[in-house]
Amino acid sequence: MSYSSYVFDAYGTLFDVHSAVRKHEDKAGPDGRLFSELWRAKQLEYSWILSLMGAYKDFWTLTEHALDFAFARYPSVDPTLRTDLLDAYWKLDCYPEVPAALKNLKSRGARLAILSNGSPAMLEAAVKSAALDALLDDVISVDTVQRYKTAPAVYELVTTQWRLYPSAISFQSSNRWDVAGAARFGMRSVWINRSNQPDEYKQYPPTLILPSLQLLD
């Protein structure tokens, strides 16, 4: 089946969430990698817990809280980095193949969008910083429904806005749990398995597994 509508997760798929710490690795020290991984893990954990509780705080607030926990867990990381790391999160690096991959799809007349847990302000800043704004038709935030992925209401934001059936949309994410959510909702789900992770949601298999967006069709 040929697709003309593509939706991308933002963090970890288009944007490298660990680039914020890497930009300050000299001050982050030897625990920098573990610090960055924990920051990301807690950011996601908080989103899932709030969704289960029926509560909501925007993703920027969760990003700040997760960073504070990471500092508490790794006191070796210079706490004066807090402001610099948060500033860097607004301007995350996109993965090297992203611009070319989006341009290729766009040249074929495809409709492209982001669907993300990120707040509208976070997403606007990241997209502009990476110069992807001209390639995207829509940037959709969960803030509209105040639920986080993998709530079906999040994926429904796209089908409602684009007036399409789920099966007409190709959804790309590097997060296997996100791919599972999209698959269960009925979208073509493409797992961008950048780090060659094992599959852990086999009951909701991806339609396609790719090592990067470079081979997306």
N, C-alpha and C. Protein backbone atom coordinates (compact mmCIF):
# COMPACT_ATOMS: atom_id res chain seq x y z
N MET A 1 0.84 -1.20 0.00
CA MET A 1 0.00 0.00 0.00
C MET A 1 0.87 1.25 0.00
N SER A 2 0.51 2.19 -0.85
CA SER A 2 1.25 3.46 -0.92
C SER A 2 0.63 4.45 0.06
N TYR A 3 1.49 5.19 0.75
CA TYR A 3 1.01 6.15 1.75
C TYR A 3 1.31 7.58 1.31
N SER A 4 0.39 8.48 1.66
CA SER A 4 0.59 9.90 1.37
C SER A 4 0.51 10.74 2.63
N SER A 5 0.32 10.09 3.78
CA SER A 5 0.20 10.80 5.06
C SER A 5 1.13 10.15 6.08
N TYR A 6 2.08 10.92 6.56
CA TYR A 6 3.10 10.42 7.48
C TYR A 6 3.13 11.27 8.75
N VAL A 7 3.12 10.58 9.88
CA VAL A 7 3.16 11.25 11.18
C VAL A 7 4.37 10.74 11.95
N PHE A 8 5.09 11.68 12.55
CA PHE A 8 6.33 11.35 13.25
C PHE A 8 6.26 11.73 14.72
N ASP A 9 6.73 10.84 15.55
CA ASP A 9 7.04 11.22 16.92
C ASP A 9 8.19 12.22 16.86
N ALA A 10 8.31 13.06 17.89
CA ALA A 10 9.37 14.08 17.88
C ALA A 10 10.62 13.62 18.62
N TYR A 11 10.48 13.39 19.93
CA TYR A 11 11.65 13.18 20.79
C TYR A 11 12.16 11.74 20.71
N GLY A 12 13.38 11.62 20.22
CA GLY A 12 13.98 10.31 20.02
C GLY A 12 13.82 9.80 18.60
N THR A 13 12.89 10.41 17.85
CA THR A 13 12.64 10.00 16.47
C THR A 13 13.19 11.03 15.49
N LEU A 14 12.74 12.27 15.64
CA LEU A 14 13.31 13.36 14.84
C LEU A 14 14.44 14.07 15.59
N PHE A 15 14.25 14.24 16.89
CA PHE A 15 15.20 15.00 17.71
C PHE A 15 15.93 14.10 18.70
N ASP A 16 17.22 14.32 18.81
CA ASP A 16 18.07 13.53 19.70
C ASP A 16 17.99 14.10 21.11
N VAL A 17 17.29 13.41 21.99
CA VAL A 17 17.06 13.92 23.35
C VAL A 17 18.35 13.98 24.17
N HIS A 18 19.34 13.23 23.76
CA HIS A 18 20.59 13.22 24.53
C HIS A 18 21.59 14.28 24.05
N SER A 19 21.22 15.02 23.02
CA SER A 19 22.13 16.05 22.53
C SER A 19 22.27 17.20 23.52
N ALA A 20 21.27 17.41 24.37
CA ALA A 20 21.35 18.49 25.36
C ALA A 20 22.52 18.28 26.31
N VAL A 21 22.63 17.07 26.84
CA VAL A 21 23.73 16.77 27.77
C VAL A 21 25.06 16.71 27.03
N ARG A 22 25.05 16.15 25.81
CA ARG A 22 26.30 16.07 25.05
C ARG A 22 26.92 17.44 24.78
N LYS A 23 26.08 18.44 24.63
CA LYS A 23 26.59 19.79 24.39
C LYS A 23 27.37 20.33 25.59
N HIS A 24 27.15 19.72 26.75
CA HIS A 24 27.81 20.17 27.98
C HIS A 24 28.54 19.01 28.65
N GLU A 25 29.02 18.06 27.85
CA GLU A 25 29.60 16.85 28.41
C GLU A 25 30.86 17.12 29.23
N ASP A 26 31.54 18.24 28.95
CA ASP A 26 32.74 18.55 29.73
C ASP A 26 32.40 18.84 31.18
N LYS A 27 31.24 19.47 31.41
CA LYS A 27 30.81 19.77 32.77
C LYS A 27 29.99 18.63 33.38
N ALA A 28 29.35 17.85 32.52
CA ALA A 28 28.53 16.74 33.03
C ALA A 28 29.40 15.65 33.64
N GLY A 29 30.61 15.48 33.12
CA GLY A 29 31.53 14.52 33.72
C GLY A 29 31.25 13.09 33.33
N PRO A 30 31.87 12.14 34.02
CA PRO A 30 31.79 10.72 33.65
C PRO A 30 30.40 10.12 33.79
N ASP A 31 29.54 10.73 34.60
CA ASP A 31 28.18 10.21 34.77
C ASP A 31 27.20 10.84 33.78
N GLY A 32 27.71 11.61 32.84
CA GLY A 32 26.84 12.34 31.93
C GLY A 32 25.88 11.47 31.14
N ARG A 33 26.36 10.35 30.61
CA ARG A 33 25.50 9.47 29.81
C ARG A 33 24.38 8.88 30.65
N LEU A 34 24.72 8.37 31.84
CA LEU A 34 23.70 7.80 32.72
C LEU A 34 22.73 8.87 33.19
N PHE A 35 23.25 10.05 33.44
CA PHE A 35 22.42 11.19 33.85
C PHE A 35 21.39 11.51 32.76
N SER A 36 21.83 11.55 31.52
CA SER A 36 20.94 11.86 30.41
C SER A 36 19.88 10.78 30.22
N GLU A 37 20.29 9.52 30.35
CA GLU A 37 19.34 8.42 30.21
C GLU A 37 18.28 8.45 31.30
N LEU A 38 18.70 8.78 32.52
CA LEU A 38 17.73 8.86 33.62
C LEU A 38 16.79 10.04 33.43
N TRP A 39 17.31 11.16 32.98
CA TRP A 39 16.47 12.33 32.70
C TRP A 39 15.35 11.94 31.74
N ARG A 40 15.69 11.26 30.68
CA ARG A 40 14.70 10.84 29.70
C ARG A 40 13.73 9.81 30.28
N ALA A 41 14.24 8.84 30.99
CA ALA A 41 13.39 7.79 31.56
C ALA A 41 12.36 8.36 32.52
N LYS A 42 12.78 9.28 33.36
CA LYS A 42 11.86 9.88 34.34
C LYS A 42 10.84 10.78 33.66
N GLN A 43 11.27 11.49 32.63
CA GLN A 43 10.36 12.33 31.87
C GLN A 43 9.18 11.50 31.35
N LEU A 44 9.50 10.34 30.78
CA LEU A 44 8.45 9.47 30.27
C LEU A 44 7.64 8.83 31.39
N GLU A 45 8.33 8.38 32.43
CA GLU A 45 7.64 7.76 33.57
C GLU A 45 6.58 8.70 34.13
N TYR A 46 6.93 9.95 34.31
CA TYR A 46 5.98 10.92 34.87
C TYR A 46 4.76 11.08 33.95
N SER A 47 4.99 11.04 32.64
CA SER A 47 3.85 11.18 31.72
C SER A 47 2.90 10.00 31.84
N TRP A 48 3.44 8.80 31.97
CA TRP A 48 2.59 7.62 32.09
C TRP A 48 1.83 7.61 33.41
N ILE A 49 2.52 7.96 34.50
CA ILE A 49 1.87 7.95 35.81
C ILE A 49 0.74 8.96 35.86
N LEU A 50 0.97 10.16 35.34
CA LEU A 50 -0.08 11.17 35.34
C LEU A 50 -1.28 10.71 34.52
N SER A 51 -1.03 10.09 33.37
CA SER A 51 -2.13 9.61 32.54
C SER A 51 -2.94 8.55 33.27
N LEU A 52 -2.27 7.65 33.97
CA LEU A 52 -2.98 6.62 34.73
C LEU A 52 -3.81 7.22 35.86
N MET A 53 -3.32 8.33 36.41
CA MET A 53 -4.03 9.01 37.49
C MET A 53 -5.17 9.89 36.99
N GLY A 54 -5.23 10.10 35.68
CA GLY A 54 -6.21 11.02 35.13
C GLY A 54 -5.84 12.47 35.38
N ALA A 55 -4.55 12.72 35.58
CA ALA A 55 -4.06 14.08 35.84
C ALA A 55 -3.19 14.53 34.67
N TYR A 56 -2.83 15.82 34.67
CA TYR A 56 -2.02 16.33 33.56
C TYR A 56 -1.19 17.53 34.00
N LYS A 57 0.07 17.51 33.62
CA LYS A 57 0.95 18.67 33.64
C LYS A 57 1.67 18.67 32.31
N ASP A 58 1.96 19.83 31.77
CA ASP A 58 2.55 19.84 30.43
C ASP A 58 3.95 19.25 30.44
N PHE A 59 4.41 18.90 29.25
CA PHE A 59 5.65 18.14 29.12
C PHE A 59 6.87 18.94 29.55
N TRP A 60 6.80 20.25 29.45
CA TRP A 60 7.93 21.05 29.91
C TRP A 60 8.08 20.94 31.43
N THR A 61 6.97 20.96 32.13
CA THR A 61 7.00 20.80 33.59
C THR A 61 7.60 19.44 33.95
N LEU A 62 7.21 18.39 33.23
CA LEU A 62 7.75 17.06 33.49
C LEU A 62 9.23 17.00 33.17
N THR A 63 9.64 17.70 32.13
CA THR A 63 11.06 17.74 31.76
C THR A 63 11.89 18.39 32.86
N GLU A 64 11.37 19.45 33.44
CA GLU A 64 12.07 20.12 34.55
C GLU A 64 12.14 19.21 35.77
N HIS A 65 11.02 18.57 36.12
CA HIS A 65 11.00 17.70 37.30
C HIS A 65 11.94 16.50 37.11
N ALA A 66 11.95 15.95 35.91
CA ALA A 66 12.82 14.81 35.63
C ALA A 66 14.29 15.21 35.72
N LEU A 67 14.61 16.41 35.26
CA LEU A 67 15.99 16.89 35.35
C LEU A 67 16.41 17.06 36.80
N ASP A 68 15.53 17.59 37.61
CA ASP A 68 15.85 17.78 39.03
C ASP A 68 16.10 16.43 39.71
N PHE A 69 15.32 15.42 39.33
CA PHE A 69 15.55 14.09 39.90
C PHE A 69 16.91 13.55 39.47
N ALA A 70 17.26 13.76 38.21
CA ALA A 70 18.55 13.28 37.71
C ALA A 70 19.71 13.94 38.44
N PHE A 71 19.58 15.23 38.73
CA PHE A 71 20.62 15.92 39.51
C PHE A 71 20.73 15.32 40.91
N ALA A 72 19.58 15.00 41.52
CA ALA A 72 19.60 14.42 42.86
C ALA A 72 20.23 13.03 42.85
N ARG A 73 19.98 12.28 41.78
CA ARG A 73 20.51 10.92 41.68
C ARG A 73 22.00 10.92 41.35
N TYR A 74 22.45 11.90 40.60
CA TYR A 74 23.86 11.98 40.20
C TYR A 74 24.46 13.30 40.66
N PRO A 75 24.78 13.41 41.95
CA PRO A 75 25.33 14.67 42.48
C PRO A 75 26.68 15.04 41.88
N SER A 76 27.32 14.10 41.19
CA SER A 76 28.60 14.42 40.55
C SER A 76 28.43 15.37 39.36
N VAL A 77 27.22 15.44 38.81
CA VAL A 77 26.95 16.34 37.69
C VAL A 77 26.73 17.75 38.22
N ASP A 78 27.45 18.70 37.69
CA ASP A 78 27.43 20.08 38.15
C ASP A 78 26.01 20.65 38.13
N PRO A 79 25.42 20.97 39.29
CA PRO A 79 24.04 21.46 39.34
C PRO A 79 23.85 22.82 38.69
N THR A 80 24.95 23.56 38.50
CA THR A 80 24.82 24.86 37.83
C THR A 80 24.51 24.70 36.33
N LEU A 81 24.54 23.45 35.86
CA LEU A 81 24.20 23.18 34.46
C LEU A 81 22.70 23.23 34.20
N ARG A 82 21.90 23.31 35.23
CA ARG A 82 20.44 23.18 35.07
C ARG A 82 19.90 24.13 34.00
N THR A 83 20.21 25.40 34.11
CA THR A 83 19.69 26.37 33.14
C THR A 83 20.19 26.07 31.73
N ASP A 84 21.47 25.74 31.61
CA ASP A 84 22.04 25.45 30.29
C ASP A 84 21.39 24.22 29.65
N LEU A 85 21.13 23.19 30.46
CA LEU A 85 20.53 21.98 29.92
C LEU A 85 19.08 22.22 29.48
N LEU A 86 18.36 22.98 30.28
CA LEU A 86 16.99 23.29 29.89
C LEU A 86 16.96 24.15 28.63
N ASP A 87 17.87 25.10 28.54
CA ASP A 87 17.95 25.91 27.32
C ASP A 87 18.26 25.04 26.10
N ALA A 88 19.15 24.07 26.29
CA ALA A 88 19.54 23.19 25.19
C ALA A 88 18.38 22.31 24.74
N TYR A 89 17.45 22.02 25.65
CA TYR A 89 16.33 21.15 25.29
C TYR A 89 15.38 21.83 24.30
N TRP A 90 15.41 23.15 24.26
CA TRP A 90 14.60 23.88 23.28
C TRP A 90 15.21 23.81 21.89
N LYS A 91 16.48 23.43 21.81
CA LYS A 91 17.20 23.43 20.53
C LYS A 91 17.93 22.11 20.32
N LEU A 92 17.23 21.02 20.53
CA LEU A 92 17.83 19.70 20.36
C LEU A 92 18.27 19.48 18.92
N ASP A 93 19.37 18.75 18.76
CA ASP A 93 19.81 18.37 17.41
C ASP A 93 18.81 17.40 16.80
N CYS A 94 18.55 17.55 15.52
CA CYS A 94 17.79 16.49 14.85
C CYS A 94 18.80 15.45 14.35
N TYR A 95 18.32 14.24 14.14
CA TYR A 95 19.21 13.19 13.63
C TYR A 95 19.64 13.55 12.20
N PRO A 96 20.85 13.15 11.82
CA PRO A 96 21.43 13.62 10.55
C PRO A 96 20.57 13.35 9.31
N GLU A 97 19.86 12.22 9.30
CA GLU A 97 19.12 11.86 8.09
C GLU A 97 17.75 12.50 8.00
N VAL A 98 17.32 13.16 9.07
CA VAL A 98 15.94 13.66 9.14
C VAL A 98 15.59 14.65 8.04
N PRO A 99 16.34 15.73 7.83
CA PRO A 99 15.93 16.68 6.78
C PRO A 99 15.78 16.04 5.40
N ALA A 100 16.73 15.20 5.02
CA ALA A 100 16.66 14.56 3.70
C ALA A 100 15.48 13.61 3.60
N ALA A 101 15.21 12.88 4.68
CA ALA A 101 14.08 11.94 4.67
C ALA A 101 12.75 12.67 4.50
N LEU A 102 12.59 13.77 5.22
CA LEU A 102 11.36 14.54 5.12
C LEU A 102 11.24 15.20 3.74
N LYS A 103 12.35 15.71 3.23
CA LYS A 103 12.33 16.33 1.89
C LYS A 103 11.95 15.32 0.82
N ASN A 104 12.44 14.10 0.95
CA ASN A 104 12.11 13.05 -0.01
C ASN A 104 10.61 12.77 -0.03
N LEU A 105 10.02 12.63 1.15
CA LEU A 105 8.58 12.38 1.23
C LEU A 105 7.79 13.58 0.71
N LYS A 106 8.25 14.76 1.07
CA LYS A 106 7.56 15.99 0.67
C LYS A 106 7.59 16.15 -0.85
N SER A 107 8.70 15.76 -1.47
CA SER A 107 8.83 15.89 -2.93
C SER A 107 7.84 15.00 -3.67
N ARG A 108 7.35 13.97 -2.99
CA ARG A 108 6.35 13.07 -3.58
C ARG A 108 4.93 13.53 -3.30
N GLY A 109 4.80 14.67 -2.62
CA GLY A 109 3.48 15.20 -2.32
C GLY A 109 2.88 14.68 -1.03
N ALA A 110 3.67 14.06 -0.18
CA ALA A 110 3.16 13.51 1.07
C ALA A 110 2.83 14.62 2.06
N ARG A 111 1.88 14.33 2.89
CA ARG A 111 1.51 15.22 4.00
C ARG A 111 2.27 14.76 5.24
N LEU A 112 2.93 15.69 5.92
CA LEU A 112 3.80 15.34 7.04
C LEU A 112 3.41 16.09 8.30
N ALA A 113 3.48 15.38 9.43
CA ALA A 113 3.15 16.02 10.70
C ALA A 113 3.96 15.40 11.83
N ILE A 114 4.05 16.13 12.91
CA ILE A 114 4.56 15.63 14.18
C ILE A 114 3.37 15.40 15.10
N LEU A 115 3.40 14.29 15.83
CA LEU A 115 2.47 14.04 16.93
C LEU A 115 3.32 13.74 18.15
N SER A 116 3.24 14.60 19.16
CA SER A 116 4.21 14.50 20.25
C SER A 116 3.61 14.81 21.61
N ASN A 117 4.26 14.23 22.63
CA ASN A 117 3.96 14.59 24.02
C ASN A 117 4.38 16.02 24.34
N GLY A 118 5.28 16.58 23.55
CA GLY A 118 5.82 17.90 23.83
C GLY A 118 4.76 18.99 23.87
N SER A 119 5.02 20.02 24.65
CA SER A 119 4.11 21.16 24.69
C SER A 119 4.22 21.92 23.37
N PRO A 120 3.21 22.71 23.01
CA PRO A 120 3.29 23.47 21.76
C PRO A 120 4.53 24.35 21.67
N ALA A 121 4.90 25.00 22.77
CA ALA A 121 6.07 25.88 22.75
C ALA A 121 7.35 25.10 22.54
N MET A 122 7.47 23.95 23.20
CA MET A 122 8.66 23.10 23.02
C MET A 122 8.81 22.66 21.57
N LEU A 123 7.71 22.22 21.00
CA LEU A 123 7.75 21.70 19.63
C LEU A 123 8.05 22.80 18.62
N GLU A 124 7.45 23.94 18.82
CA GLU A 124 7.70 25.06 17.91
C GLU A 124 9.19 25.43 17.91
N ALA A 125 9.77 25.48 19.11
CA ALA A 125 11.18 25.85 19.23
C ALA A 125 12.08 24.80 18.58
N ALA A 126 11.80 23.52 18.83
CA ALA A 126 12.64 22.45 18.28
C ALA A 126 12.56 22.41 16.76
N VAL A 127 11.36 22.55 16.24
CA VAL A 127 11.17 22.51 14.79
C VAL A 127 11.88 23.67 14.10
N LYS A 128 11.76 24.85 14.68
CA LYS A 128 12.42 26.02 14.08
C LYS A 128 13.93 25.92 14.19
N SER A 129 14.42 25.44 15.33
CA SER A 129 15.86 25.32 15.52
C SER A 129 16.48 24.36 14.51
N ALA A 130 15.75 23.31 14.18
CA ALA A 130 16.24 22.31 13.22
C ALA A 130 15.88 22.65 11.77
N ALA A 131 15.20 23.79 11.58
CA ALA A 131 14.80 24.24 10.24
C ALA A 131 13.92 23.21 9.52
N LEU A 132 12.99 22.62 10.28
CA LEU A 132 12.08 21.63 9.70
C LEU A 132 10.70 22.21 9.42
N ASP A 133 10.47 23.46 9.81
CA ASP A 133 9.13 24.03 9.74
C ASP A 133 8.56 24.04 8.32
N ALA A 134 9.38 24.27 7.32
CA ALA A 134 8.89 24.31 5.95
C ALA A 134 8.51 22.93 5.42
N LEU A 135 8.93 21.88 6.10
CA LEU A 135 8.68 20.52 5.64
C LEU A 135 7.46 19.88 6.30
N LEU A 136 6.93 20.52 7.32
CA LEU A 136 5.83 19.93 8.10
C LEU A 136 4.53 20.67 7.84
N ASP A 137 3.47 19.90 7.64
CA ASP A 137 2.15 20.50 7.46
C ASP A 137 1.48 20.81 8.78
N ASP A 138 1.74 19.97 9.78
CA ASP A 138 1.12 20.16 11.09
C ASP A 138 2.08 19.71 12.19
N VAL A 139 2.00 20.38 13.32
CA VAL A 139 2.70 19.97 14.53
C VAL A 139 1.64 19.85 15.62
N ILE A 140 1.36 18.61 16.02
CA ILE A 140 0.23 18.33 16.90
C ILE A 140 0.74 17.90 18.27
N SER A 141 0.27 18.58 19.30
CA SER A 141 0.67 18.30 20.68
C SER A 141 -0.46 17.63 21.45
N VAL A 142 -0.08 16.75 22.37
CA VAL A 142 -1.07 16.11 23.25
C VAL A 142 -1.73 17.12 24.17
N ASP A 143 -1.16 18.31 24.25
CA ASP A 143 -1.71 19.35 25.13
C ASP A 143 -3.19 19.60 24.84
N THR A 144 -3.60 19.34 23.60
CA THR A 144 -4.99 19.56 23.19
C THR A 144 -5.95 18.68 23.99
N VAL A 145 -5.56 17.43 24.22
CA VAL A 145 -6.44 16.51 24.94
C VAL A 145 -5.99 16.28 26.38
N GLN A 146 -4.81 16.80 26.73
CA GLN A 146 -4.24 16.66 28.08
C GLN A 146 -4.19 15.20 28.53
N ARG A 147 -3.74 14.38 27.59
CA ARG A 147 -3.42 12.98 27.85
C ARG A 147 -2.10 12.69 27.15
N TYR A 148 -1.37 11.74 27.68
CA TYR A 148 -0.09 11.39 27.06
C TYR A 148 -0.20 10.07 26.30
N LYS A 149 0.69 9.89 25.35
CA LYS A 149 0.80 8.60 24.68
C LYS A 149 1.06 7.52 25.72
N THR A 150 0.38 6.40 25.64
CA THR A 150 -0.23 5.83 24.46
C THR A 150 -1.77 5.86 24.49
N ALA A 151 -2.35 6.86 25.09
CA ALA A 151 -3.80 6.98 25.14
C ALA A 151 -4.35 7.07 23.71
N PRO A 152 -5.39 6.30 23.37
CA PRO A 152 -5.94 6.36 22.02
C PRO A 152 -6.36 7.76 21.60
N ALA A 153 -6.79 8.58 22.56
CA ALA A 153 -7.22 9.94 22.25
C ALA A 153 -6.10 10.76 21.61
N VAL A 154 -4.86 10.40 21.91
CA VAL A 154 -3.72 11.12 21.32
C VAL A 154 -3.63 10.83 19.83
N TYR A 155 -3.66 9.57 19.44
CA TYR A 155 -3.56 9.20 18.03
C TYR A 155 -4.79 9.67 17.25
N GLU A 156 -5.91 9.75 17.95
CA GLU A 156 -7.14 10.22 17.32
C GLU A 156 -7.05 11.68 16.92
N LEU A 157 -6.15 12.44 17.56
CA LEU A 157 -5.96 13.83 17.17
C LEU A 157 -5.63 13.94 15.69
N VAL A 158 -4.84 13.02 15.19
CA VAL A 158 -4.44 13.06 13.78
C VAL A 158 -5.60 12.67 12.87
N THR A 159 -6.26 11.58 13.18
CA THR A 159 -7.35 11.13 12.31
C THR A 159 -8.48 12.15 12.26
N THR A 160 -8.72 12.81 13.38
CA THR A 160 -9.76 13.84 13.41
C THR A 160 -9.35 15.06 12.60
N GLN A 161 -8.13 15.53 12.80
CA GLN A 161 -7.67 16.73 12.11
C GLN A 161 -7.53 16.51 10.61
N TRP A 162 -7.07 15.34 10.23
CA TRP A 162 -6.86 15.05 8.80
C TRP A 162 -8.05 14.36 8.15
N ARG A 163 -9.03 13.96 8.95
CA ARG A 163 -10.22 13.28 8.44
C ARG A 163 -9.84 12.04 7.63
N LEU A 164 -9.02 11.23 8.26
CA LEU A 164 -8.56 9.99 7.65
C LEU A 164 -8.81 8.81 8.57
N TYR A 165 -8.94 7.63 7.99
CA TYR A 165 -8.96 6.42 8.79
C TYR A 165 -7.54 6.14 9.29
N PRO A 166 -7.39 5.51 10.46
CA PRO A 166 -6.05 5.20 10.96
C PRO A 166 -5.19 4.44 9.96
N SER A 167 -5.81 3.53 9.22
CA SER A 167 -5.06 2.69 8.29
C SER A 167 -4.45 3.46 7.12
N ALA A 168 -4.88 4.70 6.93
CA ALA A 168 -4.35 5.53 5.84
C ALA A 168 -3.12 6.32 6.26
N ILE A 169 -2.71 6.17 7.52
CA ILE A 169 -1.62 6.97 8.07
C ILE A 169 -0.44 6.08 8.44
N SER A 170 0.75 6.52 8.05
CA SER A 170 1.99 5.85 8.45
C SER A 170 2.58 6.61 9.63
N PHE A 171 2.74 5.91 10.75
CA PHE A 171 3.24 6.54 11.97
C PHE A 171 4.63 6.01 12.29
N GLN A 172 5.58 6.92 12.52
CA GLN A 172 6.98 6.57 12.76
C GLN A 172 7.40 7.00 14.16
N SER A 173 8.03 6.09 14.89
CA SER A 173 8.56 6.42 16.21
C SER A 173 9.74 5.52 16.54
N SER A 174 10.67 6.07 17.29
CA SER A 174 11.79 5.26 17.79
C SER A 174 11.44 4.60 19.11
N ASN A 175 10.32 4.99 19.69
CA ASN A 175 9.89 4.47 20.99
C ASN A 175 8.95 3.28 20.76
N ARG A 176 9.38 2.10 21.16
CA ARG A 176 8.60 0.90 20.86
C ARG A 176 7.21 0.95 21.47
N TRP A 177 7.09 1.52 22.66
CA TRP A 177 5.77 1.62 23.30
C TRP A 177 4.84 2.53 22.48
N ASP A 178 5.39 3.56 21.87
CA ASP A 178 4.61 4.47 21.02
C ASP A 178 4.16 3.76 19.75
N VAL A 179 5.04 2.97 19.19
CA VAL A 179 4.70 2.16 18.02
C VAL A 179 3.56 1.20 18.35
N ALA A 180 3.62 0.61 19.54
CA ALA A 180 2.55 -0.30 19.97
C ALA A 180 1.22 0.44 20.07
N GLY A 181 1.25 1.66 20.62
CA GLY A 181 0.03 2.45 20.73
C GLY A 181 -0.57 2.77 19.38
N ALA A 182 0.28 3.15 18.43
CA ALA A 182 -0.20 3.47 17.09
C ALA A 182 -0.72 2.23 16.38
N ALA A 183 -0.03 1.10 16.57
CA ALA A 183 -0.47 -0.15 15.94
C ALA A 183 -1.83 -0.58 16.47
N ARG A 184 -2.01 -0.47 17.76
CA ARG A 184 -3.29 -0.85 18.35
C ARG A 184 -4.40 0.07 17.86
N PHE A 185 -4.06 1.32 17.61
CA PHE A 185 -5.05 2.28 17.11
C PHE A 185 -5.41 2.02 15.65
N GLY A 186 -4.56 1.28 14.95
CA GLY A 186 -4.87 0.90 13.58
C GLY A 186 -4.02 1.56 12.51
N MET A 187 -3.00 2.32 12.92
CA MET A 187 -2.11 2.96 11.95
C MET A 187 -1.05 1.99 11.46
N ARG A 188 -0.52 2.24 10.27
CA ARG A 188 0.71 1.56 9.89
C ARG A 188 1.78 2.08 10.84
N SER A 189 2.45 1.19 11.52
CA SER A 189 3.42 1.60 12.54
C SER A 189 4.82 1.20 12.12
N VAL A 190 5.71 2.20 12.09
CA VAL A 190 7.09 1.97 11.67
C VAL A 190 8.00 2.26 12.87
N TRP A 191 8.71 1.23 13.29
CA TRP A 191 9.62 1.36 14.43
C TRP A 191 11.00 1.75 13.92
N ILE A 192 11.45 2.93 14.29
CA ILE A 192 12.79 3.38 13.95
C ILE A 192 13.71 2.92 15.08
N ASN A 193 14.23 1.74 14.93
CA ASN A 193 15.00 1.09 16.00
C ASN A 193 16.47 1.49 15.89
N ARG A 194 16.76 2.70 16.33
CA ARG A 194 18.10 3.28 16.15
C ARG A 194 19.19 2.52 16.90
N SER A 195 18.86 1.95 18.02
CA SER A 195 19.89 1.31 18.85
C SER A 195 19.76 -0.21 18.90
N ASN A 196 19.03 -0.78 17.93
CA ASN A 196 18.92 -2.24 17.79
C ASN A 196 18.43 -2.90 19.08
N GLN A 197 17.34 -2.36 19.62
CA GLN A 197 16.75 -2.90 20.83
C GLN A 197 15.89 -4.13 20.53
N PRO A 198 15.76 -5.06 21.48
CA PRO A 198 14.86 -6.20 21.28
C PRO A 198 13.40 -5.75 21.35
N ASP A 199 12.55 -6.51 20.69
CA ASP A 199 11.12 -6.19 20.70
C ASP A 199 10.53 -6.58 22.05
N GLU A 200 9.69 -5.71 22.60
CA GLU A 200 9.09 -6.02 23.90
C GLU A 200 7.57 -5.91 23.91
N TYR A 201 6.95 -5.60 22.77
CA TYR A 201 5.49 -5.53 22.69
C TYR A 201 5.03 -6.35 21.49
N LYS A 202 5.31 -7.63 21.53
CA LYS A 202 5.07 -8.48 20.36
C LYS A 202 3.59 -8.67 20.05
N GLN A 203 2.73 -8.36 21.01
CA GLN A 203 1.30 -8.48 20.73
C GLN A 203 0.80 -7.34 19.86
N TYR A 204 1.61 -6.27 19.73
CA TYR A 204 1.29 -5.15 18.86
C TYR A 204 2.48 -4.89 17.95
N PRO A 205 2.69 -5.76 16.97
CA PRO A 205 3.91 -5.69 16.16
C PRO A 205 3.92 -4.49 15.22
N PRO A 206 5.10 -3.96 14.95
CA PRO A 206 5.21 -2.89 13.96
C PRO A 206 5.01 -3.45 12.55
N THR A 207 4.53 -2.62 11.67
CA THR A 207 4.41 -3.01 10.27
C THR A 207 5.78 -3.14 9.63
N LEU A 208 6.69 -2.29 10.10
CA LEU A 208 8.02 -2.21 9.51
C LEU A 208 9.03 -1.79 10.57
N ILE A 209 10.23 -2.32 10.49
CA ILE A 209 11.32 -1.93 11.40
C ILE A 209 12.47 -1.40 10.54
N LEU A 210 12.93 -0.19 10.87
CA LEU A 210 14.03 0.43 10.15
C LEU A 210 15.09 0.93 11.13
N PRO A 211 16.36 0.95 10.73
CA PRO A 211 17.41 1.44 11.63
C PRO A 211 17.47 2.96 11.71
N SER A 212 16.85 3.63 10.73
CA SER A 212 16.80 5.09 10.72
C SER A 212 15.69 5.51 9.77
N LEU A 213 15.47 6.81 9.64
CA LEU A 213 14.44 7.30 8.72
C LEU A 213 14.91 7.33 7.28
N GLN A 214 16.17 7.06 7.06
CA GLN A 214 16.75 7.16 5.72
C GLN A 214 16.05 6.25 4.71
N LEU A 215 15.60 5.09 5.16
CA LEU A 215 15.00 4.11 4.26
C LEU A 215 13.48 4.16 4.24
N LEU A 216 12.90 5.17 4.89
CA LEU A 216 11.44 5.25 4.97
C LEU A 216 10.84 5.51 3.60
N ASP A 217 9.78 4.75 3.30
CA ASP A 217 9.11 4.91 2.01
C ASP A 217 7.60 4.90 2.23
